[in-house]
Amino acid sequence: MGETANIARMAELISNDIFKVFGWEISGSMNIDWECVNSEHPSDTHPADVVYKYPEPYKDIITYVLCDLKSYAKSSINKNSIKKAIESLNLSLSCAKVSADWKEKYKDTDKNHDVKGMLFIYNHDGEFVDDDQEFTKLVDDATKNIKIDKGNSIFIVGPSVIKYLTNVAHNIKTLQADSKLPMDKLKIGYYYPELEDRKLCHNTSTLPLSIEHMSANYQVMRYNQNDSNKIDGLDIYMRGNGGEVESFMHAIDFIRKSNLLQEQTKVRVFVPSGAPEARRNFQKAKSLFTEDLGAVLREQMQNLITYEHCPVVVKQQYFNEEIGMRYDK
């Protein structure tokens, strides 16, 4: 029983390590049940491992994320376990939107709010193949004949994405420790472009990384060194391994279209799972992208955009016996 509890806590610990760096906050208590209000559901209560919250970048609302944290061995990550977890989370999510008990326990704002679901599947034995395609196939098979209630949004974060996000969070902490990134939470946030049909809400300098952007091709952190709202630098984290020049071409095009270089903004590009040839491909992409530009803009892009090494966290962060010896539980 103790071993099972320790294994379950691994997902709790690693999720907190990740999401607090991305501007999410825990709302309410962890690991408690709340009252079900739908007589057709098979239980009188629903579980909540943890509920996170953050301000939605493009809407003046607070998003709550109802999380089901799973810590599975490789043998337990299969179609049936994923399907069962999704179905359970769907019921919980539908109830959370209308349950007075859930609102009493977790809702702490007078603003409009939304509730989304997240199935977080951490591979505690480290044996699951680090391959998005394999996990995507399992999810596709699990959701073929599944029914999700209208209005529900459920995001599935699997082992590969967890490893990627862990490395991003670790690199951010390392940069802060080395004084290459501000420690002050009021001076760092995530970058979202102003769009014609979608205006940014809240304090744009401290926006969180939304759940939708966590699985995007890249995540962009912004920071400033003083108390102004001016962007002094951007850190772009890219998924994939940078093994193709085209991946960097897309990132550089994003920088150009966002008009960031006009403000003399320094841009650092990180590839947490970078291949040995990633830096070379980045340099080639910069040369190809800038060769037809004017001399001034070409020099700006060459000087302001740099490739930075991102150390990879190879070993598992948590171990069953070590967690069992923590006395501050």
C-alpha atoms as a PDB file:
ATOM      1  CA  MET A   1       0.000   0.000   0.000  1.00  0.00           C
ATOM      2  CA  GLY A   2       2.839   2.375   0.942  1.00  0.00           C
ATOM      3  CA  GLU A   3       4.680   1.626  -2.289  1.00  0.00           C
ATOM      4  CA  THR A   4       1.530   2.284  -4.317  1.00  0.00           C
ATOM      5  CA  ALA A   5       1.035   5.638  -2.563  1.00  0.00           C
ATOM      6  CA  ASN A   6       4.638   6.632  -3.245  1.00  0.00           C
ATOM      7  CA  ILE A   7       4.327   5.746  -6.928  1.00  0.00           C
ATOM      8  CA  ALA A   8       1.114   7.752  -7.205  1.00  0.00           C
ATOM      9  CA  ARG A   9       2.812  10.746  -5.587  1.00  0.00           C
ATOM     10  CA  MET A  10       5.482  10.803  -8.314  1.00  0.00           C
ATOM     11  CA  ALA A  11       3.004  12.251 -10.815  1.00  0.00           C
ATOM     12  CA  GLU A  12       1.906  14.811  -8.221  1.00  0.00           C
ATOM     13  CA  LEU A  13       5.463  15.973  -7.561  1.00  0.00           C
ATOM     14  CA  ILE A  14       6.588  16.160 -11.167  1.00  0.00           C
ATOM     15  CA  SER A  15       3.413  17.934 -12.311  1.00  0.00           C
ATOM     16  CA  ASN A  16       3.918  20.605  -9.666  1.00  0.00           C
ATOM     17  CA  ASP A  17       7.578  20.994 -10.690  1.00  0.00           C
ATOM     18  CA  ILE A  18       6.417  21.669 -14.257  1.00  0.00           C
ATOM     19  CA  PHE A  19       3.309  23.795 -13.922  1.00  0.00           C
ATOM     20  CA  LYS A  20       4.470  26.264 -11.289  1.00  0.00           C
ATOM     21  CA  VAL A  21       7.217  27.341 -13.714  1.00  0.00           C
ATOM     22  CA  PHE A  22       4.570  27.958 -16.370  1.00  0.00           C
ATOM     23  CA  GLY A  23       2.566  30.373 -14.231  1.00  0.00           C
ATOM     24  CA  TRP A  24      -0.088  27.963 -12.939  1.00  0.00           C
ATOM     25  CA  GLU A  25      -1.269  28.015  -9.320  1.00  0.00           C
ATOM     26  CA  ILE A  26      -2.919  25.302  -7.243  1.00  0.00           C
ATOM     27  CA  SER A  27      -6.479  26.117  -6.230  1.00  0.00           C
ATOM     28  CA  GLY A  28      -8.077  24.461  -3.219  1.00  0.00           C
ATOM     29  CA  SER A  29      -7.004  21.205  -1.596  1.00  0.00           C
ATOM     30  CA  MET A  30      -5.326  18.270  -3.287  1.00  0.00           C
ATOM     31  CA  ASN A  31      -6.526  14.652  -3.324  1.00  0.00           C
ATOM     32  CA  ILE A  32     -10.082  15.132  -2.098  1.00  0.00           C
ATOM     33  CA  ASP A  33     -13.501  14.088  -3.381  1.00  0.00           C
ATOM     34  CA  TRP A  34     -16.421  16.376  -4.065  1.00  0.00           C
ATOM     35  CA  GLU A  35     -20.122  15.770  -4.458  1.00  0.00           C
ATOM     36  CA  CYS A  36     -21.563  14.421  -7.709  1.00  0.00           C
ATOM     37  CA  VAL A  37     -24.785  16.149  -8.781  1.00  0.00           C
ATOM     38  CA  ASN A  38     -25.747  13.827 -11.629  1.00  0.00           C
ATOM     39  CA  SER A  39     -27.827  10.811 -10.591  1.00  0.00           C
ATOM     40  CA  GLU A  40     -26.826   8.994 -13.791  1.00  0.00           C
ATOM     41  CA  HIS A  41     -23.171   8.908 -12.775  1.00  0.00           C
ATOM     42  CA  PRO A  42     -21.995   5.651 -11.166  1.00  0.00           C
ATOM     43  CA  SER A  43     -20.685   7.267  -7.956  1.00  0.00           C
ATOM     44  CA  ASP A  44     -21.837   9.814  -5.378  1.00  0.00           C
ATOM     45  CA  THR A  45     -18.530  11.677  -5.537  1.00  0.00           C
ATOM     46  CA  HIS A  46     -15.789  12.594  -7.995  1.00  0.00           C
ATOM     47  CA  PRO A  47     -12.042  12.788  -7.267  1.00  0.00           C
ATOM     48  CA  ALA A  48      -9.718  15.730  -7.823  1.00  0.00           C
ATOM     49  CA  ASP A  49      -6.020  14.962  -7.606  1.00  0.00           C
ATOM     50  CA  VAL A  50      -5.284  18.657  -8.056  1.00  0.00           C
ATOM     51  CA  VAL A  51      -6.929  21.713  -9.609  1.00  0.00           C
ATOM     52  CA  TYR A  52      -4.738  24.370 -11.200  1.00  0.00           C
ATOM     53  CA  LYS A  53      -5.767  27.849 -12.291  1.00  0.00           C
ATOM     54  CA  TYR A  54      -4.410  30.581 -14.529  1.00  0.00           C
ATOM     55  CA  PRO A  55      -5.723  33.712 -16.323  1.00  0.00           C
ATOM     56  CA  GLU A  56      -6.641  33.017 -19.943  1.00  0.00           C
ATOM     57  CA  PRO A  57      -4.368  35.121 -22.232  1.00  0.00           C
ATOM     58  CA  TYR A  58      -6.965  36.137 -24.824  1.00  0.00           C
ATOM     59  CA  LYS A  59     -10.043  36.190 -22.554  1.00  0.00           C
ATOM     60  CA  ASP A  60     -10.879  38.017 -19.353  1.00  0.00           C
ATOM     61  CA  ILE A  61     -11.593  34.761 -17.546  1.00  0.00           C
ATOM     62  CA  ILE A  62      -9.867  32.370 -15.168  1.00  0.00           C
ATOM     63  CA  THR A  63      -9.241  28.851 -16.427  1.00  0.00           C
ATOM     64  CA  TYR A  64      -9.358  26.005 -13.913  1.00  0.00           C
ATOM     65  CA  VAL A  65      -7.719  22.711 -14.898  1.00  0.00           C
ATOM     66  CA  LEU A  66      -9.159  19.619 -13.220  1.00  0.00           C
ATOM     67  CA  CYS A  67      -6.335  17.087 -13.241  1.00  0.00           C
ATOM     68  CA  ASP A  68      -6.243  13.322 -13.127  1.00  0.00           C
ATOM     69  CA  LEU A  69      -2.625  12.463 -12.336  1.00  0.00           C
ATOM     70  CA  LYS A  70      -1.534   8.964 -13.320  1.00  0.00           C
ATOM     71  CA  SER A  71       1.803   7.372 -12.481  1.00  0.00           C
ATOM     72  CA  TYR A  72       1.998   4.251 -14.648  1.00  0.00           C
ATOM     73  CA  ALA A  73       4.583   1.622 -15.417  1.00  0.00           C
ATOM     74  CA  LYS A  74       5.107   0.983 -19.118  1.00  0.00           C
ATOM     75  CA  SER A  75       2.891  -2.115 -18.978  1.00  0.00           C
ATOM     76  CA  SER A  76      -0.031  -0.034 -17.681  1.00  0.00           C
ATOM     77  CA  ILE A  77       0.055   2.546 -20.474  1.00  0.00           C
ATOM     78  CA  ASN A  78      -2.389   0.990 -22.902  1.00  0.00           C
ATOM     79  CA  LYS A  79      -5.599   1.687 -24.771  1.00  0.00           C
ATOM     80  CA  ASN A  80      -7.888   0.400 -22.028  1.00  0.00           C
ATOM     81  CA  SER A  81      -6.300   2.327 -19.157  1.00  0.00           C
ATOM     82  CA  ILE A  82      -6.323   5.550 -21.178  1.00  0.00           C
ATOM     83  CA  LYS A  83      -9.937   5.087 -22.249  1.00  0.00           C
ATOM     84  CA  LYS A  84     -11.075   4.368 -18.691  1.00  0.00           C
ATOM     85  CA  ALA A  85      -9.281   7.455 -17.370  1.00  0.00           C
ATOM     86  CA  ILE A  86     -10.741   9.714 -20.072  1.00  0.00           C
ATOM     87  CA  GLU A  87     -14.269   8.475 -19.438  1.00  0.00           C
ATOM     88  CA  SER A  88     -13.926   9.075 -15.701  1.00  0.00           C
ATOM     89  CA  LEU A  89     -12.440  12.545 -16.211  1.00  0.00           C
ATOM     90  CA  ASN A  90     -15.242  13.441 -18.614  1.00  0.00           C
ATOM     91  CA  LEU A  91     -17.854  12.678 -15.943  1.00  0.00           C
ATOM     92  CA  SER A  92     -15.905  14.660 -13.349  1.00  0.00           C
ATOM     93  CA  LEU A  93     -15.561  17.614 -15.687  1.00  0.00           C
ATOM     94  CA  SER A  94     -19.280  17.733 -16.492  1.00  0.00           C
ATOM     95  CA  CYS A  95     -20.130  17.719 -12.799  1.00  0.00           C
ATOM     96  CA  ALA A  96     -17.475  20.295 -11.872  1.00  0.00           C
ATOM     97  CA  LYS A  97     -19.121  22.881 -14.109  1.00  0.00           C
ATOM     98  CA  VAL A  98     -22.406  22.742 -12.183  1.00  0.00           C
ATOM     99  CA  SER A  99     -21.525  21.365  -8.745  1.00  0.00           C
ATOM    100  CA  ALA A 100     -21.917  23.817  -5.857  1.00  0.00           C
ATOM    101  CA  ASP A 101     -19.576  21.635  -3.785  1.00  0.00           C
ATOM    102  CA  TRP A 102     -16.839  21.837  -6.437  1.00  0.00           C
ATOM    103  CA  LYS A 103     -17.193  25.625  -6.622  1.00  0.00           C
ATOM    104  CA  GLU A 104     -17.062  25.878  -2.846  1.00  0.00           C
ATOM    105  CA  LYS A 105     -13.845  23.858  -2.726  1.00  0.00           C
ATOM    106  CA  TYR A 106     -12.001  25.261  -5.763  1.00  0.00           C
ATOM    107  CA  LYS A 107     -13.502  28.423  -7.264  1.00  0.00           C
ATOM    108  CA  ASP A 108     -11.882  31.493  -5.739  1.00  0.00           C
ATOM    109  CA  THR A 109     -12.746  34.286  -8.162  1.00  0.00           C
ATOM    110  CA  ASP A 110     -15.720  36.499  -8.980  1.00  0.00           C
ATOM    111  CA  LYS A 111     -14.598  36.640 -12.609  1.00  0.00           C
ATOM    112  CA  ASN A 112     -16.026  34.472 -15.338  1.00  0.00           C
ATOM    113  CA  HIS A 113     -14.324  31.123 -15.399  1.00  0.00           C
ATOM    114  CA  ASP A 114     -13.979  27.935 -17.410  1.00  0.00           C
ATOM    115  CA  VAL A 115     -13.094  24.401 -16.329  1.00  0.00           C
ATOM    116  CA  LYS A 116     -10.961  22.130 -18.494  1.00  0.00           C
ATOM    117  CA  GLY A 117      -9.707  18.626 -17.882  1.00  0.00           C
ATOM    118  CA  MET A 118      -6.192  17.224 -18.071  1.00  0.00           C
ATOM    119  CA  LEU A 119      -5.142  13.570 -18.016  1.00  0.00           C
ATOM    120  CA  PHE A 120      -1.476  13.550 -16.975  1.00  0.00           C
ATOM    121  CA  ILE A 121       0.235  10.204 -17.588  1.00  0.00           C
ATOM    122  CA  TYR A 122       3.700   9.937 -16.067  1.00  0.00           C
ATOM    123  CA  ASN A 123       5.768   6.822 -16.780  1.00  0.00           C
ATOM    124  CA  HIS A 124       7.407   6.138 -13.409  1.00  0.00           C
ATOM    125  CA  ASP A 125       9.664   3.277 -14.503  1.00  0.00           C
ATOM    126  CA  GLY A 126      11.079   5.216 -17.462  1.00  0.00           C
ATOM    127  CA  GLU A 127      10.583   2.270 -19.807  1.00  0.00           C
ATOM    128  CA  PHE A 128       7.957   3.743 -22.139  1.00  0.00           C
ATOM    129  CA  VAL A 129       9.466   4.517 -25.546  1.00  0.00           C
ATOM    130  CA  ASP A 130      10.049   8.256 -25.872  1.00  0.00           C
ATOM    131  CA  ASP A 131       7.986   8.478 -29.010  1.00  0.00           C
ATOM    132  CA  ASP A 132       5.008  10.785 -29.598  1.00  0.00           C
ATOM    133  CA  GLN A 133       3.754   8.541 -32.401  1.00  0.00           C
ATOM    134  CA  GLU A 134       3.356   5.476 -30.198  1.00  0.00           C
ATOM    135  CA  PHE A 135       1.444   7.356 -27.518  1.00  0.00           C
ATOM    136  CA  THR A 136      -0.671   9.215 -30.097  1.00  0.00           C
ATOM    137  CA  LYS A 137      -1.708   5.871 -31.596  1.00  0.00           C
ATOM    138  CA  LEU A 138      -2.744   4.598 -28.164  1.00  0.00           C
ATOM    139  CA  VAL A 139      -4.827   7.731 -27.589  1.00  0.00           C
ATOM    140  CA  ASP A 140      -6.404   7.472 -31.049  1.00  0.00           C
ATOM    141  CA  ASP A 141      -7.375   3.854 -30.376  1.00  0.00           C
ATOM    142  CA  ALA A 142      -8.697   4.715 -26.917  1.00  0.00           C
ATOM    143  CA  THR A 143     -10.906   7.545 -28.182  1.00  0.00           C
ATOM    144  CA  LYS A 144     -12.351   5.934 -31.329  1.00  0.00           C
ATOM    145  CA  ASN A 145     -15.747   5.179 -29.796  1.00  0.00           C
ATOM    146  CA  ILE A 146     -15.633   7.385 -26.756  1.00  0.00           C
ATOM    147  CA  LYS A 147     -18.275  10.003 -25.999  1.00  0.00           C
ATOM    148  CA  ILE A 148     -17.198  13.340 -24.544  1.00  0.00           C
ATOM    149  CA  ASP A 149     -19.977  15.518 -23.137  1.00  0.00           C
ATOM    150  CA  LYS A 150     -20.763  18.688 -25.054  1.00  0.00           C
ATOM    151  CA  GLY A 151     -18.596  21.640 -24.017  1.00  0.00           C
ATOM    152  CA  ASN A 152     -15.936  19.514 -22.320  1.00  0.00           C
ATOM    153  CA  SER A 153     -12.271  19.981 -23.222  1.00  0.00           C
ATOM    154  CA  ILE A 154      -9.859  17.257 -22.130  1.00  0.00           C
ATOM    155  CA  PHE A 155      -6.124  17.482 -22.760  1.00  0.00           C
ATOM    156  CA  ILE A 156      -3.930  14.407 -22.570  1.00  0.00           C
ATOM    157  CA  VAL A 157      -0.309  14.910 -21.534  1.00  0.00           C
ATOM    158  CA  GLY A 158       1.749  11.778 -22.105  1.00  0.00           C
ATOM    159  CA  PRO A 159       5.288  10.628 -21.230  1.00  0.00           C
ATOM    160  CA  SER A 160       7.039  12.307 -24.162  1.00  0.00           C
ATOM    161  CA  VAL A 161       5.429  15.706 -23.564  1.00  0.00           C
ATOM    162  CA  ILE A 162       6.084  15.402 -19.817  1.00  0.00           C
ATOM    163  CA  LYS A 163       9.762  14.752 -20.492  1.00  0.00           C
ATOM    164  CA  TYR A 164       9.913  17.743 -22.844  1.00  0.00           C
ATOM    165  CA  LEU A 165       8.154  20.073 -20.391  1.00  0.00           C
ATOM    166  CA  THR A 166      10.367  18.827 -17.553  1.00  0.00           C
ATOM    167  CA  ASN A 167      13.436  19.810 -19.525  1.00  0.00           C
ATOM    168  CA  VAL A 168      11.979  23.225 -20.379  1.00  0.00           C
ATOM    169  CA  ALA A 169      11.162  23.871 -16.696  1.00  0.00           C
ATOM    170  CA  HIS A 170      14.624  22.668 -15.629  1.00  0.00           C
ATOM    171  CA  ASN A 171      16.338  24.951 -18.129  1.00  0.00           C
ATOM    172  CA  ILE A 172      14.315  27.962 -16.962  1.00  0.00           C
ATOM    173  CA  LYS A 173      15.375  27.307 -13.360  1.00  0.00           C
ATOM    174  CA  THR A 174      19.010  26.911 -14.441  1.00  0.00           C
ATOM    175  CA  LEU A 175      18.951  30.228 -16.325  1.00  0.00           C
ATOM    176  CA  GLN A 176      17.508  31.929 -13.260  1.00  0.00           C
ATOM    177  CA  ALA A 177      20.166  30.399 -10.996  1.00  0.00           C
ATOM    178  CA  ASP A 178      22.864  31.625 -13.395  1.00  0.00           C
ATOM    179  CA  SER A 179      21.346  35.157 -13.466  1.00  0.00           C
ATOM    180  CA  LYS A 180      20.531  34.788 -17.161  1.00  0.00           C
ATOM    181  CA  LEU A 181      16.808  35.143 -16.502  1.00  0.00           C
ATOM    182  CA  PRO A 182      15.048  37.242 -13.838  1.00  0.00           C
ATOM    183  CA  MET A 183      13.951  35.471 -10.660  1.00  0.00           C
ATOM    184  CA  ASP A 184      11.170  38.005 -10.094  1.00  0.00           C
ATOM    185  CA  LYS A 185       7.857  36.511 -11.236  1.00  0.00           C
ATOM    186  CA  LEU A 186       6.674  39.991 -12.216  1.00  0.00           C
ATOM    187  CA  LYS A 187       9.412  40.199 -14.846  1.00  0.00           C
ATOM    188  CA  ILE A 188       8.809  36.928 -16.691  1.00  0.00           C
ATOM    189  CA  GLY A 189       5.860  35.487 -18.564  1.00  0.00           C
ATOM    190  CA  TYR A 190       4.907  33.849 -21.840  1.00  0.00           C
ATOM    191  CA  TYR A 191       4.590  35.656 -25.115  1.00  0.00           C
ATOM    192  CA  TYR A 192       1.387  35.826 -27.137  1.00  0.00           C
ATOM    193  CA  PRO A 193       1.090  38.044 -30.226  1.00  0.00           C
ATOM    194  CA  GLU A 194      -1.609  40.691 -30.421  1.00  0.00           C
ATOM    195  CA  LEU A 195      -4.084  39.589 -33.083  1.00  0.00           C
ATOM    196  CA  GLU A 196      -6.606  41.662 -35.001  1.00  0.00           C
ATOM    197  CA  ASP A 197      -9.525  39.608 -33.770  1.00  0.00           C
ATOM    198  CA  ARG A 198      -8.057  38.568 -30.411  1.00  0.00           C
ATOM    199  CA  LYS A 199      -6.700  41.102 -27.959  1.00  0.00           C
ATOM    200  CA  LEU A 200      -4.637  40.172 -24.943  1.00  0.00           C
ATOM    201  CA  CYS A 201      -6.120  40.519 -21.480  1.00  0.00           C
ATOM    202  CA  HIS A 202      -4.513  40.775 -18.039  1.00  0.00           C
ATOM    203  CA  ASN A 203      -0.899  41.873 -17.478  1.00  0.00           C
ATOM    204  CA  THR A 204       0.851  40.960 -20.733  1.00  0.00           C
ATOM    205  CA  SER A 205       4.281  40.768 -19.073  1.00  0.00           C
ATOM    206  CA  THR A 206       3.301  37.923 -16.721  1.00  0.00           C
ATOM    207  CA  LEU A 207       0.955  35.766 -18.782  1.00  0.00           C
ATOM    208  CA  PRO A 208       1.053  32.001 -18.105  1.00  0.00           C
ATOM    209  CA  LEU A 209       1.616  29.233 -20.597  1.00  0.00           C
ATOM    210  CA  SER A 210      -1.884  28.051 -21.489  1.00  0.00           C
ATOM    211  CA  ILE A 211      -2.731  24.364 -21.639  1.00  0.00           C
ATOM    212  CA  GLU A 212      -3.248  24.657 -25.416  1.00  0.00           C
ATOM    213  CA  HIS A 213       0.260  26.083 -25.932  1.00  0.00           C
ATOM    214  CA  MET A 214       1.999  23.368 -23.898  1.00  0.00           C
ATOM    215  CA  SER A 215       1.737  20.904 -26.763  1.00  0.00           C
ATOM    216  CA  ALA A 216       2.448  23.441 -29.510  1.00  0.00           C
ATOM    217  CA  ASN A 217       5.572  23.247 -31.674  1.00  0.00           C
ATOM    218  CA  TYR A 218       7.213  25.936 -29.573  1.00  0.00           C
ATOM    219  CA  GLN A 219       6.702  27.836 -26.360  1.00  0.00           C
ATOM    220  CA  VAL A 220       7.904  31.428 -26.024  1.00  0.00           C
ATOM    221  CA  MET A 221       8.944  33.028 -22.727  1.00  0.00           C
ATOM    222  CA  ARG A 222       9.368  36.796 -22.491  1.00  0.00           C
ATOM    223  CA  TYR A 223      11.268  38.717 -19.832  1.00  0.00           C
ATOM    224  CA  ASN A 224      12.261  42.230 -18.894  1.00  0.00           C
ATOM    225  CA  GLN A 225      15.147  43.368 -16.719  1.00  0.00           C
ATOM    226  CA  ASN A 226      13.427  46.413 -15.198  1.00  0.00           C
ATOM    227  CA  ASP A 227       9.925  47.394 -14.161  1.00  0.00           C
ATOM    228  CA  SER A 228       8.756  48.465 -17.615  1.00  0.00           C
ATOM    229  CA  ASN A 229       6.482  46.436 -19.891  1.00  0.00           C
ATOM    230  CA  LYS A 230       9.125  46.437 -22.632  1.00  0.00           C
ATOM    231  CA  ILE A 231      10.296  43.010 -23.783  1.00  0.00           C
ATOM    232  CA  ASP A 232      14.062  42.761 -23.269  1.00  0.00           C
ATOM    233  CA  GLY A 233      14.372  39.173 -24.421  1.00  0.00           C
ATOM    234  CA  LEU A 234      12.566  36.082 -25.651  1.00  0.00           C
ATOM    235  CA  ASP A 235      13.397  32.424 -25.081  1.00  0.00           C
ATOM    236  CA  ILE A 236      11.916  30.072 -27.675  1.00  0.00           C
ATOM    237  CA  TYR A 237      11.679  26.379 -26.778  1.00  0.00           C
ATOM    238  CA  MET A 238      11.240  24.062 -29.739  1.00  0.00           C
ATOM    239  CA  ARG A 239       9.873  20.535 -29.762  1.00  0.00           C
ATOM    240  CA  GLY A 240      11.550  17.954 -31.954  1.00  0.00           C
ATOM    241  CA  ASN A 241      15.303  17.600 -32.206  1.00  0.00           C
ATOM    242  CA  GLY A 242      16.223  20.339 -34.670  1.00  0.00           C
ATOM    243  CA  GLY A 243      17.393  17.702 -37.114  1.00  0.00           C
ATOM    244  CA  GLU A 244      15.934  19.613 -40.070  1.00  0.00           C
ATOM    245  CA  VAL A 245      16.699  23.130 -41.252  1.00  0.00           C
ATOM    246  CA  GLU A 246      13.007  23.757 -41.968  1.00  0.00           C
ATOM    247  CA  SER A 247      12.062  23.575 -38.281  1.00  0.00           C
ATOM    248  CA  PHE A 248      14.294  26.564 -37.551  1.00  0.00           C
ATOM    249  CA  MET A 249      13.037  28.407 -40.635  1.00  0.00           C
ATOM    250  CA  HIS A 250       9.520  28.269 -39.183  1.00  0.00           C
ATOM    251  CA  ALA A 251      10.727  29.596 -35.819  1.00  0.00           C
ATOM    252  CA  ILE A 252      12.622  32.481 -37.432  1.00  0.00           C
ATOM    253  CA  ASP A 253       9.600  33.316 -39.566  1.00  0.00           C
ATOM    254  CA  PHE A 254       7.487  33.484 -36.394  1.00  0.00           C
ATOM    255  CA  ILE A 255       9.976  35.954 -34.901  1.00  0.00           C
ATOM    256  CA  ARG A 256       9.868  38.120 -38.022  1.00  0.00           C
ATOM    257  CA  LYS A 257       6.074  38.122 -38.318  1.00  0.00           C
ATOM    258  CA  SER A 258       5.751  39.136 -34.669  1.00  0.00           C
ATOM    259  CA  ASN A 259       7.802  42.300 -35.396  1.00  0.00           C
ATOM    260  CA  LEU A 260      10.039  41.500 -32.445  1.00  0.00           C
ATOM    261  CA  LEU A 261      13.278  42.502 -34.142  1.00  0.00           C
ATOM    262  CA  GLN A 262      12.079  46.069 -34.635  1.00  0.00           C
ATOM    263  CA  GLU A 263      12.336  46.478 -30.871  1.00  0.00           C
ATOM    264  CA  GLN A 264      15.910  45.119 -30.834  1.00  0.00           C
ATOM    265  CA  THR A 265      14.691  42.143 -28.813  1.00  0.00           C
ATOM    266  CA  LYS A 266      17.249  39.441 -28.091  1.00  0.00           C
ATOM    267  CA  VAL A 267      16.010  35.952 -28.938  1.00  0.00           C
ATOM    268  CA  ARG A 268      17.495  32.707 -27.604  1.00  0.00           C
ATOM    269  CA  VAL A 269      16.440  29.431 -29.228  1.00  0.00           C
ATOM    270  CA  PHE A 270      16.532  26.231 -27.149  1.00  0.00           C
ATOM    271  CA  VAL A 271      15.930  22.669 -28.346  1.00  0.00           C
ATOM    272  CA  PRO A 272      15.612  20.444 -25.239  1.00  0.00           C
ATOM    273  CA  SER A 273      16.073  17.257 -27.288  1.00  0.00           C
ATOM    274  CA  GLY A 274      18.521  18.775 -29.731  1.00  0.00           C
ATOM    275  CA  ALA A 275      20.345  16.538 -32.205  1.00  0.00           C
ATOM    276  CA  PRO A 276      24.129  16.973 -32.647  1.00  0.00           C
ATOM    277  CA  GLU A 277      23.510  18.831 -35.912  1.00  0.00           C
ATOM    278  CA  ALA A 278      20.856  21.181 -34.448  1.00  0.00           C
ATOM    279  CA  ARG A 279      23.179  24.167 -34.021  1.00  0.00           C
ATOM    280  CA  ARG A 280      24.495  23.758 -37.562  1.00  0.00           C
ATOM    281  CA  ASN A 281      20.961  23.579 -38.932  1.00  0.00           C
ATOM    282  CA  PHE A 282      20.039  26.706 -36.983  1.00  0.00           C
ATOM    283  CA  GLN A 283      22.958  28.656 -38.459  1.00  0.00           C
ATOM    284  CA  LYS A 284      22.063  27.470 -41.951  1.00  0.00           C
ATOM    285  CA  ALA A 285      18.418  28.465 -41.449  1.00  0.00           C
ATOM    286  CA  LYS A 286      19.462  31.959 -40.372  1.00  0.00           C
ATOM    287  CA  SER A 287      21.665  32.346 -43.448  1.00  0.00           C
ATOM    288  CA  LEU A 288      18.963  31.090 -45.809  1.00  0.00           C
ATOM    289  CA  PHE A 289      16.278  33.248 -44.238  1.00  0.00           C
ATOM    290  CA  THR A 290      18.301  36.453 -44.268  1.00  0.00           C
ATOM    291  CA  GLU A 291      20.159  36.212 -47.573  1.00  0.00           C
ATOM    292  CA  ASP A 292      17.511  38.205 -49.501  1.00  0.00           C
ATOM    293  CA  LEU A 293      16.872  40.778 -46.776  1.00  0.00           C
ATOM    294  CA  GLY A 294      18.239  44.290 -46.640  1.00  0.00           C
ATOM    295  CA  ALA A 295      21.620  44.764 -45.004  1.00  0.00           C
ATOM    296  CA  VAL A 296      20.236  46.382 -41.830  1.00  0.00           C
ATOM    297  CA  LEU A 297      17.559  43.755 -41.153  1.00  0.00           C
ATOM    298  CA  ARG A 298      19.931  40.934 -42.053  1.00  0.00           C
ATOM    299  CA  GLU A 299      22.490  42.160 -39.522  1.00  0.00           C
ATOM    300  CA  GLN A 300      19.782  42.537 -36.870  1.00  0.00           C
ATOM    301  CA  MET A 301      18.607  38.980 -37.313  1.00  0.00           C
ATOM    302  CA  GLN A 302      22.115  37.562 -37.372  1.00  0.00           C
ATOM    303  CA  ASN A 303      23.095  39.360 -34.154  1.00  0.00           C
ATOM    304  CA  LEU A 304      19.889  39.185 -32.143  1.00  0.00           C
ATOM    305  CA  ILE A 305      18.863  35.544 -32.691  1.00  0.00           C
ATOM    306  CA  THR A 306      21.136  32.928 -31.102  1.00  0.00           C
ATOM    307  CA  TYR A 307      21.064  29.185 -30.528  1.00  0.00           C
ATOM    308  CA  GLU A 308      21.654  28.121 -26.920  1.00  0.00           C
ATOM    309  CA  HIS A 309      22.484  24.676 -25.589  1.00  0.00           C
ATOM    310  CA  CYS A 310      19.744  23.145 -23.430  1.00  0.00           C
ATOM    311  CA  PRO A 311      21.003  20.400 -21.074  1.00  0.00           C
ATOM    312  CA  VAL A 312      18.712  17.363 -20.986  1.00  0.00           C
ATOM    313  CA  VAL A 313      17.481  15.855 -17.724  1.00  0.00           C
ATOM    314  CA  VAL A 314      18.210  12.194 -18.404  1.00  0.00           C
ATOM    315  CA  LYS A 315      17.538  10.386 -15.121  1.00  0.00           C
ATOM    316  CA  GLN A 316      14.187   9.951 -13.454  1.00  0.00           C
ATOM    317  CA  GLN A 317      13.616  12.706 -10.929  1.00  0.00           C
ATOM    318  CA  TYR A 318      11.728  10.669  -8.360  1.00  0.00           C
ATOM    319  CA  PHE A 319      12.213   7.236  -6.866  1.00  0.00           C
ATOM    320  CA  ASN A 320       9.806   5.148  -4.809  1.00  0.00           C
ATOM    321  CA  GLU A 321      12.075   4.613  -1.797  1.00  0.00           C
ATOM    322  CA  GLU A 322      13.257   8.227  -1.695  1.00  0.00           C
ATOM    323  CA  ILE A 323       9.681   9.516  -1.683  1.00  0.00           C
ATOM    324  CA  GLY A 324       8.834   7.078   1.110  1.00  0.00           C
ATOM    325  CA  MET A 325      11.600   8.632   3.249  1.00  0.00           C
ATOM    326  CA  ARG A 326      10.189  12.155   3.004  1.00  0.00           C
ATOM    327  CA  TYR A 327       8.851  13.083   6.394  1.00  0.00           C
ATOM    328  CA  ASP A 328       7.210  16.351   5.366  1.00  0.00           C
ATOM    329  CA  LYS A 329       4.301  14.664   3.601  1.00  0.00           C
END
